[in-house]
């Protein structure tokens, strides 16, 4: 008898695009968007990229 596993909702990491279960994604929220990360390394990269973008804008 084949047992069918329940489908797990996934989402792509905003940095590396790796598919991760939505329940396991890190979800830093801001006023205008939600970003999902597969782990701390991608979250740290996002923070670094965001800080560099702010500096480039003069902020």
Protein backbone atom coordinates (compact mmCIF):
# COMPACT_ATOMS: atom_id res chain seq x y z
CA UNK A 1 0.00 0.00 0.00
CA UNK A 2 1.45 3.40 -1.00
CA UNK A 3 1.27 5.99 1.73
CA UNK A 4 1.09 9.46 0.30
CA UNK A 5 2.97 12.04 2.33
CA UNK A 6 1.14 15.30 2.95
CA UNK A 7 2.31 18.17 0.79
CA UNK A 8 4.37 20.75 2.63
CA UNK A 9 4.01 24.39 1.62
CA UNK A 10 7.41 25.76 0.63
CA UNK A 11 8.84 29.16 -0.16
CA UNK A 12 12.09 30.26 -1.79
CA UNK A 13 14.81 31.92 0.28
CA UNK A 14 15.11 35.56 -0.80
CA UNK A 15 18.91 35.23 -1.10
CA UNK A 16 19.83 31.78 -2.43
CA UNK A 17 16.36 30.79 -3.78
CA UNK A 18 16.56 27.39 -1.99
CA UNK A 19 13.08 25.97 -1.37
CA UNK A 20 12.39 25.60 2.34
CA UNK A 21 9.23 24.67 4.27
CA UNK A 22 7.28 27.84 5.02
CA UNK A 23 7.03 26.76 8.66
CA UNK A 24 10.86 26.71 8.92
CA UNK A 25 11.64 29.97 7.07
CA UNK A 26 12.98 32.91 9.05
CA UNK A 27 10.52 35.74 8.49
CA UNK A 28 11.75 39.24 9.36
CA UNK A 29 8.78 41.54 8.82
CA UNK A 30 8.76 45.22 7.94
CA UNK A 31 5.97 47.66 7.20
CA UNK A 32 5.90 47.10 3.43
CA UNK A 33 7.22 43.58 2.82
CA UNK A 34 8.06 40.18 4.26
CA UNK A 35 11.36 38.45 3.48
CA UNK A 36 12.02 34.72 3.91
CA UNK A 37 15.43 33.14 4.61
CA UNK A 38 16.54 29.52 4.77
CA UNK A 39 19.03 30.22 7.56
CA UNK A 40 21.28 32.64 9.36
CA UNK A 41 23.88 32.84 6.57
CA UNK A 42 21.34 34.11 4.04
CA UNK A 43 19.82 36.46 6.61
CA UNK A 44 23.28 37.93 7.35
CA UNK A 45 23.93 38.36 3.61
CA UNK A 46 20.58 40.16 3.23
CA UNK A 47 21.45 42.49 6.12
CA UNK A 48 24.85 43.25 4.59
CA UNK A 49 23.31 43.91 1.16
CA UNK A 50 20.62 46.14 2.71
CA UNK A 51 23.18 48.20 4.62
CA UNK A 52 25.28 48.68 1.47
CA UNK A 53 22.19 49.73 -0.51
CA UNK A 54 21.29 52.28 2.19
CA UNK A 55 24.82 53.72 2.10
CA UNK A 56 24.69 53.96 -1.69
CA UNK A 57 21.44 55.95 -1.41
CA UNK A 58 23.07 58.29 1.07
CA UNK A 59 21.08 56.98 4.04
